[in-house]
Amino acid sequence: MFYTIGSRQEISDGLKVSLETLYDLNINRILYCTFPYWLPTVENQGLTVKDIMANLAITISMAFPILIIAFCGTKTYGKVKNLTEHGKNEYSKRLQLQLYKALVAQVIIPTIFLFLPTVFIGASPLFKLNIPWASLPLSILFSMFAVVDSIPIIFLVDEYRNALFAFFGGFCCANEVVPASVNETSNDQQ
């Protein structure tokens, strides 16, 4: 895809002034990928099929794993729901449902933090949307993905959560229980 949508001289010439004035960047010192759907022609702006097809290929490459996950997730849910009928105990069923919920959350998180922003960035030029303010929140979403991706496992699965609290509980929150006798309490009241 990079060779299809990577740097091209006509695009570099068009971006040069904007990058220098808005961001103080030299076009010759950066690497970029772009979808110039609308290239100026002699009469007006013309759509470029090559860039539309490149964006479509990227969108399909992102949608394909999501469709596989949705299909397998639906089949998994049906199997987990019927675990007790196949001789599994209640603990096993509860743990499998927690893992299933964590997996669903781990599908939703990259969709929100990676896939949707990428589709938005890639498709906005097609509709001639120039939204310079969107680059900061989208960059923040990309950066937050690595941090947020592991959180569902910790908070949705009891075994992992208990292990985490036990691990950190030994370092920072050790509860010390001081035994009290009945005699000490009665002496204070006299």
N, C-alpha and C. Protein backbone atom coordinates (compact mmCIF):
# COMPACT_ATOMS: atom_id res chain seq x y z
N MET A 1 0.83 -1.20 0.00
CA MET A 1 0.00 0.00 0.00
C MET A 1 0.87 1.25 0.00
N PHE A 2 2.02 1.21 0.67
CA PHE A 2 2.86 2.40 0.73
C PHE A 2 3.30 2.81 -0.67
N TYR A 3 3.66 1.85 -1.49
CA TYR A 3 4.10 2.17 -2.85
C TYR A 3 2.96 2.74 -3.68
N THR A 4 1.75 2.38 -3.33
CA THR A 4 0.60 2.92 -4.05
C THR A 4 0.27 4.33 -3.60
N ILE A 5 0.31 4.58 -2.30
CA ILE A 5 -0.14 5.88 -1.79
C ILE A 5 1.00 6.71 -1.20
N GLY A 6 2.22 6.28 -1.38
CA GLY A 6 3.36 6.98 -0.80
C GLY A 6 3.65 8.30 -1.51
N SER A 7 4.78 8.87 -1.17
CA SER A 7 5.18 10.18 -1.69
C SER A 7 5.22 10.20 -3.21
N ARG A 8 4.67 11.27 -3.76
CA ARG A 8 4.73 11.52 -5.20
C ARG A 8 5.06 12.99 -5.40
N GLN A 9 5.78 13.31 -6.43
CA GLN A 9 6.27 14.67 -6.62
C GLN A 9 5.13 15.69 -6.74
N GLU A 10 4.08 15.35 -7.48
CA GLU A 10 2.99 16.32 -7.64
C GLU A 10 2.28 16.59 -6.31
N ILE A 11 2.24 15.58 -5.45
CA ILE A 11 1.63 15.76 -4.14
C ILE A 11 2.57 16.56 -3.24
N SER A 12 3.86 16.24 -3.30
CA SER A 12 4.84 16.97 -2.49
C SER A 12 4.83 18.45 -2.83
N ASP A 13 4.71 18.76 -4.12
CA ASP A 13 4.67 20.17 -4.52
C ASP A 13 3.43 20.86 -3.94
N GLY A 14 2.32 20.17 -3.90
CA GLY A 14 1.10 20.76 -3.36
C GLY A 14 1.12 20.91 -1.85
N LEU A 15 1.80 20.00 -1.16
CA LEU A 15 1.85 20.03 0.30
C LEU A 15 2.96 20.91 0.86
N LYS A 16 3.92 21.24 0.03
CA LYS A 16 5.12 21.94 0.51
C LYS A 16 4.79 23.23 1.25
N VAL A 17 4.01 24.08 0.66
CA VAL A 17 3.70 25.38 1.27
C VAL A 17 2.89 25.21 2.56
N SER A 18 1.91 24.33 2.52
CA SER A 18 1.07 24.12 3.70
C SER A 18 1.89 23.59 4.87
N LEU A 19 2.74 22.61 4.63
CA LEU A 19 3.54 22.03 5.70
C LEU A 19 4.53 23.04 6.27
N GLU A 20 5.08 23.89 5.40
CA GLU A 20 6.03 24.88 5.90
C GLU A 20 5.34 25.97 6.71
N THR A 21 4.18 26.44 6.26
CA THR A 21 3.51 27.53 6.98
C THR A 21 2.77 27.05 8.22
N LEU A 22 2.08 25.94 8.14
CA LEU A 22 1.30 25.47 9.28
C LEU A 22 2.12 24.76 10.35
N TYR A 23 3.07 23.93 9.91
CA TYR A 23 3.77 23.06 10.85
C TYR A 23 5.28 23.29 10.90
N ASP A 24 5.80 24.19 10.09
CA ASP A 24 7.23 24.48 10.02
C ASP A 24 8.03 23.20 9.71
N LEU A 25 7.53 22.44 8.73
CA LEU A 25 8.18 21.19 8.32
C LEU A 25 8.69 21.31 6.90
N ASN A 26 9.85 20.71 6.66
CA ASN A 26 10.41 20.65 5.32
C ASN A 26 9.92 19.35 4.66
N ILE A 27 9.27 19.46 3.54
CA ILE A 27 8.67 18.30 2.85
C ILE A 27 9.72 17.26 2.48
N ASN A 28 10.96 17.69 2.26
CA ASN A 28 12.02 16.76 1.86
C ASN A 28 12.55 15.95 3.05
N ARG A 29 12.17 16.31 4.26
CA ARG A 29 12.68 15.62 5.45
C ARG A 29 11.63 14.77 6.14
N ILE A 30 10.47 14.60 5.51
CA ILE A 30 9.43 13.79 6.12
C ILE A 30 8.99 12.69 5.16
N LEU A 31 8.39 11.69 5.73
CA LEU A 31 7.81 10.58 4.97
C LEU A 31 6.31 10.61 5.20
N TYR A 32 5.54 10.52 4.18
CA TYR A 32 4.10 10.61 4.35
C TYR A 32 3.38 9.66 3.41
N CYS A 33 2.17 9.34 3.81
CA CYS A 33 1.24 8.59 2.96
C CYS A 33 0.00 9.45 2.85
N THR A 34 -0.55 9.52 1.69
CA THR A 34 -1.71 10.38 1.51
C THR A 34 -2.66 9.78 0.48
N PHE A 35 -3.88 10.24 0.54
CA PHE A 35 -4.89 9.85 -0.43
C PHE A 35 -5.34 11.11 -1.17
N PRO A 36 -4.66 11.49 -2.22
CA PRO A 36 -5.10 12.68 -2.96
C PRO A 36 -6.20 12.31 -3.95
N TYR A 37 -7.41 12.16 -3.43
CA TYR A 37 -8.52 11.74 -4.26
C TYR A 37 -8.81 12.74 -5.37
N TRP A 38 -8.60 14.00 -5.06
CA TRP A 38 -8.93 15.06 -6.01
C TRP A 38 -7.65 15.73 -6.48
N LEU A 39 -7.23 15.40 -7.69
CA LEU A 39 -6.05 16.05 -8.26
C LEU A 39 -6.52 17.09 -9.28
N PRO A 40 -5.90 18.26 -9.23
CA PRO A 40 -6.32 19.30 -10.19
C PRO A 40 -5.99 18.90 -11.63
N THR A 41 -6.94 19.13 -12.49
CA THR A 41 -6.73 18.92 -13.92
C THR A 41 -6.84 20.28 -14.59
N VAL A 42 -6.75 20.30 -15.87
CA VAL A 42 -6.81 21.56 -16.60
C VAL A 42 -8.16 22.25 -16.40
N GLU A 43 -9.24 21.50 -16.47
CA GLU A 43 -10.57 22.09 -16.38
C GLU A 43 -11.07 22.20 -14.95
N ASN A 44 -10.94 21.15 -14.16
CA ASN A 44 -11.42 21.14 -12.78
C ASN A 44 -10.68 20.06 -11.99
N GLN A 45 -11.20 19.70 -10.83
CA GLN A 45 -10.58 18.64 -10.05
C GLN A 45 -11.15 17.30 -10.47
N GLY A 46 -10.25 16.32 -10.63
CA GLY A 46 -10.69 15.00 -11.05
C GLY A 46 -10.39 13.96 -9.99
N LEU A 47 -11.30 13.02 -9.85
CA LEU A 47 -11.10 11.91 -8.91
C LEU A 47 -10.01 10.98 -9.42
N THR A 48 -9.19 10.48 -8.52
CA THR A 48 -8.16 9.51 -8.90
C THR A 48 -8.59 8.14 -8.42
N VAL A 49 -8.80 7.25 -9.33
CA VAL A 49 -9.27 5.90 -9.02
C VAL A 49 -8.22 5.14 -8.24
N LYS A 50 -6.95 5.37 -8.54
CA LYS A 50 -5.86 4.66 -7.86
C LYS A 50 -5.91 4.89 -6.35
N ASP A 51 -6.13 6.12 -5.93
CA ASP A 51 -6.16 6.43 -4.51
C ASP A 51 -7.45 5.94 -3.84
N ILE A 52 -8.53 5.97 -4.56
CA ILE A 52 -9.78 5.44 -4.02
C ILE A 52 -9.65 3.93 -3.81
N MET A 53 -9.06 3.24 -4.75
CA MET A 53 -8.85 1.80 -4.62
C MET A 53 -7.87 1.48 -3.48
N ALA A 54 -6.84 2.30 -3.30
CA ALA A 54 -5.89 2.08 -2.21
C ALA A 54 -6.59 2.23 -0.86
N ASN A 55 -7.42 3.26 -0.72
CA ASN A 55 -8.15 3.44 0.53
C ASN A 55 -9.14 2.31 0.74
N LEU A 56 -9.78 1.88 -0.29
CA LEU A 56 -10.72 0.77 -0.19
C LEU A 56 -9.99 -0.50 0.26
N ALA A 57 -8.80 -0.73 -0.27
CA ALA A 57 -8.01 -1.91 0.12
C ALA A 57 -7.62 -1.84 1.59
N ILE A 58 -7.24 -0.67 2.08
CA ILE A 58 -6.90 -0.52 3.50
C ILE A 58 -8.13 -0.72 4.36
N THR A 59 -9.26 -0.17 3.95
CA THR A 59 -10.49 -0.33 4.72
C THR A 59 -10.91 -1.80 4.79
N ILE A 60 -10.81 -2.50 3.68
CA ILE A 60 -11.15 -3.92 3.66
C ILE A 60 -10.17 -4.71 4.53
N SER A 61 -8.89 -4.34 4.48
CA SER A 61 -7.92 -5.06 5.31
C SER A 61 -8.18 -4.85 6.79
N MET A 62 -8.80 -3.74 7.16
CA MET A 62 -9.18 -3.52 8.56
C MET A 62 -10.51 -4.21 8.88
N ALA A 63 -11.42 -4.24 7.94
CA ALA A 63 -12.74 -4.83 8.19
C ALA A 63 -12.69 -6.35 8.22
N PHE A 64 -11.82 -6.94 7.45
CA PHE A 64 -11.75 -8.40 7.37
C PHE A 64 -11.48 -9.04 8.74
N PRO A 65 -10.46 -8.59 9.51
CA PRO A 65 -10.27 -9.20 10.84
C PRO A 65 -11.45 -8.97 11.77
N ILE A 66 -12.08 -7.82 11.67
CA ILE A 66 -13.23 -7.54 12.53
C ILE A 66 -14.38 -8.50 12.21
N LEU A 67 -14.60 -8.78 10.94
CA LEU A 67 -15.65 -9.73 10.55
C LEU A 67 -15.33 -11.14 11.04
N ILE A 68 -14.08 -11.54 10.96
CA ILE A 68 -13.69 -12.86 11.46
C ILE A 68 -13.90 -12.93 12.97
N ILE A 69 -13.51 -11.88 13.68
CA ILE A 69 -13.68 -11.86 15.13
C ILE A 69 -15.17 -11.90 15.49
N ALA A 70 -15.99 -11.16 14.77
CA ALA A 70 -17.44 -11.16 15.05
C ALA A 70 -18.03 -12.54 14.81
N PHE A 71 -17.64 -13.19 13.73
CA PHE A 71 -18.14 -14.53 13.44
C PHE A 71 -17.72 -15.53 14.51
N CYS A 72 -16.42 -15.54 14.83
CA CYS A 72 -15.92 -16.48 15.83
C CYS A 72 -16.46 -16.14 17.22
N GLY A 73 -16.63 -14.86 17.52
CA GLY A 73 -17.18 -14.45 18.80
C GLY A 73 -18.60 -14.92 18.99
N THR A 74 -19.40 -14.84 17.94
CA THR A 74 -20.78 -15.30 18.00
C THR A 74 -20.84 -16.80 18.24
N LYS A 75 -20.00 -17.55 17.55
CA LYS A 75 -19.97 -19.00 17.75
C LYS A 75 -19.46 -19.35 19.15
N THR A 76 -18.48 -18.61 19.64
CA THR A 76 -17.94 -18.85 20.98
C THR A 76 -18.99 -18.57 22.04
N TYR A 77 -19.74 -17.50 21.89
CA TYR A 77 -20.77 -17.16 22.86
C TYR A 77 -21.81 -18.28 22.95
N GLY A 78 -22.18 -18.82 21.82
CA GLY A 78 -23.14 -19.93 21.83
C GLY A 78 -22.60 -21.14 22.58
N LYS A 79 -21.32 -21.43 22.43
CA LYS A 79 -20.72 -22.57 23.13
C LYS A 79 -20.58 -22.31 24.62
N VAL A 80 -20.16 -21.08 24.99
CA VAL A 80 -19.98 -20.73 26.41
C VAL A 80 -21.32 -20.73 27.13
N LYS A 81 -22.35 -20.28 26.46
CA LYS A 81 -23.68 -20.23 27.06
C LYS A 81 -24.19 -21.62 27.44
N ASN A 82 -23.78 -22.62 26.71
CA ASN A 82 -24.26 -23.99 26.94
C ASN A 82 -23.25 -24.86 27.68
N LEU A 83 -22.27 -24.27 28.37
CA LEU A 83 -21.24 -25.07 29.04
C LEU A 83 -21.80 -25.97 30.13
N THR A 84 -22.76 -25.49 30.90
CA THR A 84 -23.27 -26.32 31.99
C THR A 84 -24.02 -27.54 31.47
N GLU A 85 -24.55 -27.47 30.29
CA GLU A 85 -25.24 -28.62 29.72
C GLU A 85 -24.27 -29.73 29.33
N HIS A 86 -22.99 -29.38 29.14
CA HIS A 86 -21.99 -30.36 28.72
C HIS A 86 -21.14 -30.83 29.89
N GLY A 87 -21.65 -30.71 31.12
CA GLY A 87 -20.94 -31.23 32.28
C GLY A 87 -19.95 -30.27 32.90
N LYS A 88 -19.86 -29.05 32.45
CA LYS A 88 -18.94 -28.09 33.05
C LYS A 88 -19.60 -27.49 34.29
N ASN A 89 -18.77 -27.15 35.27
CA ASN A 89 -19.33 -26.59 36.51
C ASN A 89 -19.58 -25.09 36.36
N GLU A 90 -20.21 -24.51 37.36
CA GLU A 90 -20.60 -23.10 37.34
C GLU A 90 -19.37 -22.18 37.33
N TYR A 91 -18.31 -22.58 38.04
CA TYR A 91 -17.08 -21.78 38.07
C TYR A 91 -16.48 -21.67 36.67
N SER A 92 -16.42 -22.78 35.97
CA SER A 92 -15.87 -22.79 34.62
C SER A 92 -16.71 -21.92 33.68
N LYS A 93 -18.02 -22.02 33.81
CA LYS A 93 -18.90 -21.21 32.96
C LYS A 93 -18.70 -19.72 33.25
N ARG A 94 -18.61 -19.35 34.54
CA ARG A 94 -18.42 -17.94 34.92
C ARG A 94 -17.09 -17.40 34.38
N LEU A 95 -16.04 -18.21 34.51
CA LEU A 95 -14.72 -17.80 34.01
C LEU A 95 -14.73 -17.64 32.49
N GLN A 96 -15.36 -18.57 31.79
CA GLN A 96 -15.43 -18.48 30.33
C GLN A 96 -16.23 -17.26 29.88
N LEU A 97 -17.32 -16.93 30.58
CA LEU A 97 -18.08 -15.73 30.25
C LEU A 97 -17.27 -14.47 30.49
N GLN A 98 -16.48 -14.44 31.56
CA GLN A 98 -15.63 -13.28 31.83
C GLN A 98 -14.58 -13.12 30.75
N LEU A 99 -13.97 -14.23 30.34
CA LEU A 99 -12.98 -14.16 29.26
C LEU A 99 -13.62 -13.72 27.95
N TYR A 100 -14.83 -14.19 27.72
CA TYR A 100 -15.55 -13.78 26.51
C TYR A 100 -15.81 -12.27 26.52
N LYS A 101 -16.27 -11.75 27.65
CA LYS A 101 -16.52 -10.31 27.76
C LYS A 101 -15.24 -9.52 27.57
N ALA A 102 -14.13 -10.02 28.10
CA ALA A 102 -12.84 -9.35 27.92
C ALA A 102 -12.43 -9.34 26.45
N LEU A 103 -12.68 -10.43 25.75
CA LEU A 103 -12.35 -10.48 24.33
C LEU A 103 -13.22 -9.51 23.51
N VAL A 104 -14.48 -9.41 23.88
CA VAL A 104 -15.36 -8.45 23.20
C VAL A 104 -14.83 -7.03 23.42
N ALA A 105 -14.43 -6.73 24.65
CA ALA A 105 -13.88 -5.40 24.93
C ALA A 105 -12.59 -5.18 24.16
N GLN A 106 -11.79 -6.22 23.99
CA GLN A 106 -10.54 -6.07 23.26
C GLN A 106 -10.76 -5.99 21.75
N VAL A 107 -11.94 -6.25 21.29
CA VAL A 107 -12.28 -5.97 19.89
C VAL A 107 -12.79 -4.54 19.75
N ILE A 108 -13.57 -4.11 20.73
CA ILE A 108 -14.13 -2.75 20.68
C ILE A 108 -13.03 -1.70 20.81
N ILE A 109 -12.05 -1.94 21.66
CA ILE A 109 -11.00 -0.94 21.90
C ILE A 109 -10.20 -0.62 20.65
N PRO A 110 -9.64 -1.59 19.91
CA PRO A 110 -8.93 -1.20 18.69
C PRO A 110 -9.84 -0.59 17.63
N THR A 111 -11.11 -0.99 17.64
CA THR A 111 -12.05 -0.40 16.69
C THR A 111 -12.18 1.10 16.96
N ILE A 112 -12.31 1.46 18.24
CA ILE A 112 -12.48 2.87 18.60
C ILE A 112 -11.17 3.64 18.48
N PHE A 113 -10.08 3.05 18.94
CA PHE A 113 -8.82 3.77 19.04
C PHE A 113 -7.96 3.70 17.78
N LEU A 114 -8.17 2.71 16.92
CA LEU A 114 -7.33 2.58 15.72
C LEU A 114 -8.13 2.59 14.42
N PHE A 115 -9.09 1.67 14.29
CA PHE A 115 -9.75 1.49 13.00
C PHE A 115 -10.61 2.69 12.60
N LEU A 116 -11.49 3.15 13.47
CA LEU A 116 -12.35 4.28 13.12
C LEU A 116 -11.57 5.56 12.84
N PRO A 117 -10.56 5.92 13.66
CA PRO A 117 -9.78 7.11 13.29
C PRO A 117 -9.06 6.96 11.96
N THR A 118 -8.56 5.75 11.67
CA THR A 118 -7.87 5.55 10.39
C THR A 118 -8.84 5.70 9.22
N VAL A 119 -10.02 5.15 9.35
CA VAL A 119 -11.03 5.30 8.28
C VAL A 119 -11.41 6.77 8.14
N PHE A 120 -11.57 7.46 9.26
CA PHE A 120 -11.92 8.88 9.22
C PHE A 120 -10.84 9.70 8.52
N ILE A 121 -9.59 9.46 8.89
CA ILE A 121 -8.47 10.18 8.27
C ILE A 121 -8.39 9.87 6.78
N GLY A 122 -8.59 8.60 6.43
CA GLY A 122 -8.47 8.20 5.04
C GLY A 122 -9.63 8.65 4.17
N ALA A 123 -10.83 8.76 4.75
CA ALA A 123 -12.00 9.08 3.94
C ALA A 123 -12.33 10.56 3.91
N SER A 124 -11.88 11.33 4.87
CA SER A 124 -12.26 12.75 4.90
C SER A 124 -11.85 13.53 3.65
N PRO A 125 -10.68 13.29 3.06
CA PRO A 125 -10.37 14.02 1.82
C PRO A 125 -11.30 13.67 0.65
N LEU A 126 -11.82 12.45 0.66
CA LEU A 126 -12.72 12.05 -0.42
C LEU A 126 -13.96 12.94 -0.43
N PHE A 127 -14.41 13.35 0.75
CA PHE A 127 -15.58 14.21 0.87
C PHE A 127 -15.20 15.68 1.01
N LYS A 128 -13.94 15.96 0.70
CA LYS A 128 -13.38 17.32 0.74
C LYS A 128 -13.52 17.97 2.11
N LEU A 129 -13.31 17.16 3.14
CA LEU A 129 -13.34 17.68 4.51
C LEU A 129 -11.93 18.07 4.92
N ASN A 130 -11.75 19.31 5.29
CA ASN A 130 -10.47 19.79 5.78
C ASN A 130 -10.65 20.12 7.26
N ILE A 131 -10.20 19.22 8.10
CA ILE A 131 -10.42 19.37 9.54
C ILE A 131 -9.06 19.33 10.24
N PRO A 132 -8.32 20.43 10.23
CA PRO A 132 -6.98 20.41 10.83
C PRO A 132 -6.99 20.16 12.34
N TRP A 133 -8.04 20.57 13.03
CA TRP A 133 -8.10 20.37 14.48
C TRP A 133 -8.23 18.90 14.87
N ALA A 134 -8.66 18.05 13.93
CA ALA A 134 -8.88 16.63 14.24
C ALA A 134 -7.58 15.86 14.40
N SER A 135 -6.47 16.40 13.92
CA SER A 135 -5.22 15.65 14.00
C SER A 135 -4.78 15.42 15.44
N LEU A 136 -4.99 16.38 16.33
CA LEU A 136 -4.58 16.20 17.72
C LEU A 136 -5.40 15.12 18.44
N PRO A 137 -6.75 15.18 18.44
CA PRO A 137 -7.48 14.10 19.12
C PRO A 137 -7.24 12.73 18.51
N LEU A 138 -7.08 12.66 17.19
CA LEU A 138 -6.84 11.36 16.56
C LEU A 138 -5.47 10.82 16.94
N SER A 139 -4.48 11.70 17.04
CA SER A 139 -3.14 11.28 17.48
C SER A 139 -3.19 10.78 18.92
N ILE A 140 -3.97 11.44 19.75
CA ILE A 140 -4.11 11.02 21.14
C ILE A 140 -4.78 9.64 21.21
N LEU A 141 -5.80 9.41 20.38
CA LEU A 141 -6.46 8.10 20.35
C LEU A 141 -5.47 7.00 19.96
N PHE A 142 -4.64 7.26 18.95
CA PHE A 142 -3.64 6.28 18.53
C PHE A 142 -2.69 5.98 19.68
N SER A 143 -2.26 7.01 20.39
CA SER A 143 -1.30 6.83 21.48
C SER A 143 -1.90 6.10 22.67
N MET A 144 -3.17 6.32 22.94
CA MET A 144 -3.81 5.71 24.10
C MET A 144 -4.10 4.22 23.91
N PHE A 145 -4.11 3.76 22.68
CA PHE A 145 -4.46 2.37 22.41
C PHE A 145 -3.60 1.39 23.20
N ALA A 146 -2.29 1.58 23.20
CA ALA A 146 -1.40 0.65 23.88
C ALA A 146 -1.69 0.56 25.38
N VAL A 147 -2.09 1.67 25.96
CA VAL A 147 -2.38 1.70 27.39
C VAL A 147 -3.73 1.06 27.69
N VAL A 148 -4.72 1.40 26.91
CA VAL A 148 -6.10 0.98 27.19
C VAL A 148 -6.35 -0.47 26.79
N ASP A 149 -5.56 -1.02 25.89
CA ASP A 149 -5.84 -2.36 25.36
C ASP A 149 -5.79 -3.45 26.42
N SER A 150 -4.95 -3.35 27.41
CA SER A 150 -4.83 -4.42 28.40
C SER A 150 -5.78 -4.27 29.59
N ILE A 151 -6.44 -3.15 29.71
CA ILE A 151 -7.30 -2.89 30.87
C ILE A 151 -8.50 -3.85 30.97
N PRO A 152 -9.18 -4.22 29.89
CA PRO A 152 -10.35 -5.11 30.04
C PRO A 152 -10.03 -6.43 30.72
N ILE A 153 -8.89 -7.02 30.41
CA ILE A 153 -8.54 -8.30 31.02
C ILE A 153 -8.46 -8.15 32.54
N ILE A 154 -7.84 -7.08 32.98
CA ILE A 154 -7.64 -6.88 34.41
C ILE A 154 -8.95 -6.64 35.14
N PHE A 155 -9.83 -5.86 34.55
CA PHE A 155 -11.05 -5.49 35.25
C PHE A 155 -12.24 -6.41 35.00
N LEU A 156 -12.23 -7.17 33.93
CA LEU A 156 -13.37 -8.03 33.63
C LEU A 156 -13.19 -9.48 34.08
N VAL A 157 -11.96 -9.92 34.30
CA VAL A 157 -11.72 -11.31 34.70
C VAL A 157 -11.30 -11.32 36.17
N ASP A 158 -12.12 -11.96 37.00
CA ASP A 158 -11.88 -11.97 38.45
C ASP A 158 -10.50 -12.51 38.82
N GLU A 159 -10.08 -13.58 38.19
CA GLU A 159 -8.80 -14.21 38.55
C GLU A 159 -7.63 -13.25 38.32
N TYR A 160 -7.62 -12.55 37.21
CA TYR A 160 -6.55 -11.59 36.94
C TYR A 160 -6.62 -10.40 37.89
N ARG A 161 -7.82 -9.91 38.13
CA ARG A 161 -8.00 -8.78 39.03
C ARG A 161 -7.55 -9.12 40.44
N ASN A 162 -7.94 -10.28 40.94
CA ASN A 162 -7.54 -10.71 42.28
C ASN A 162 -6.02 -10.88 42.38
N ALA A 163 -5.42 -11.44 41.33
CA ALA A 163 -3.96 -11.61 41.34
C ALA A 163 -3.26 -10.25 41.34
N LEU A 164 -3.79 -9.30 40.57
CA LEU A 164 -3.20 -7.96 40.54
C LEU A 164 -3.30 -7.28 41.90
N PHE A 165 -4.48 -7.35 42.52
CA PHE A 165 -4.64 -6.73 43.83
C PHE A 165 -3.79 -7.43 44.89
N ALA A 166 -3.65 -8.73 44.79
CA ALA A 166 -2.80 -9.46 45.73
C ALA A 166 -1.34 -9.05 45.55
N PHE A 167 -0.92 -8.89 44.31
CA PHE A 167 0.46 -8.50 44.03
C PHE A 167 0.76 -7.11 44.56
N PHE A 168 -0.08 -6.15 44.22
CA PHE A 168 0.16 -4.78 44.67
C PHE A 168 -0.25 -4.57 46.12
N GLY A 169 -1.15 -5.40 46.62
CA GLY A 169 -1.55 -5.30 48.02
C GLY A 169 -0.40 -5.59 48.96
N GLY A 170 0.50 -6.47 48.56
CA GLY A 170 1.67 -6.79 49.38
C GLY A 170 2.66 -5.66 49.45
N PHE A 171 2.64 -4.75 48.47
CA PHE A 171 3.59 -3.65 48.45
C PHE A 171 3.06 -2.39 49.12
N CYS A 172 1.83 -2.05 48.82
CA CYS A 172 1.38 -0.72 49.25
C CYS A 172 0.24 -0.73 50.25
N CYS A 173 -0.53 -1.74 50.32
CA CYS A 173 -1.73 -1.69 51.15
C CYS A 173 -1.80 -2.85 52.12
N ALA A 174 -0.73 -3.20 52.75
CA ALA A 174 -0.75 -4.34 53.66
C ALA A 174 -1.57 -3.96 54.89
N ASN A 175 -2.66 -4.67 55.09
CA ASN A 175 -3.50 -4.42 56.25
C ASN A 175 -2.92 -5.16 57.44
N GLU A 176 -2.71 -4.44 58.50
CA GLU A 176 -2.17 -5.06 59.70
C GLU A 176 -3.29 -5.16 60.72
N VAL A 177 -3.58 -6.35 61.16
CA VAL A 177 -4.65 -6.58 62.11
C VAL A 177 -4.01 -6.76 63.49
N VAL A 178 -4.44 -5.94 64.44
CA VAL A 178 -3.92 -6.02 65.81
C VAL A 178 -5.00 -6.69 66.65
N PRO A 179 -4.68 -7.83 67.24
CA PRO A 179 -5.70 -8.51 68.04
C PRO A 179 -5.98 -7.74 69.33
N ALA A 180 -7.21 -7.72 69.70
CA ALA A 180 -7.59 -7.07 70.96
C ALA A 180 -8.22 -8.14 71.85
N SER A 181 -7.93 -8.05 73.13
CA SER A 181 -8.52 -9.02 74.05
C SER A 181 -9.71 -8.40 74.75
N VAL A 182 -10.52 -9.24 75.31
CA VAL A 182 -11.71 -8.77 76.02
C VAL A 182 -11.30 -8.00 77.26
N ASN A 183 -10.23 -8.40 77.94
CA ASN A 183 -9.78 -7.74 79.16
C ASN A 183 -9.33 -6.31 78.90
N GLU A 184 -8.61 -6.08 77.77
CA GLU A 184 -8.14 -4.74 77.47
C GLU A 184 -9.29 -3.80 77.24
N THR A 185 -10.34 -4.27 76.59
CA THR A 185 -11.50 -3.45 76.31
C THR A 185 -12.24 -3.12 77.58
N SER A 186 -12.40 -4.12 78.47
CA SER A 186 -13.14 -3.87 79.70
C SER A 186 -12.37 -2.98 80.67
N ASN A 187 -11.02 -3.01 80.63
CA ASN A 187 -10.23 -2.13 81.49
C ASN A 187 -10.38 -0.68 81.07
N ASP A 188 -10.50 -0.42 79.77
CA ASP A 188 -10.65 0.95 79.28
C ASP A 188 -11.98 1.55 79.68
N GLN A 189 -12.99 0.71 79.81
CA GLN A 189 -14.31 1.21 80.14
C GLN A 189 -14.45 1.53 81.63
N GLN A 190 -13.58 0.97 82.50
CA GLN A 190 -13.73 1.17 83.94
C GLN A 190 -13.23 2.49 84.35
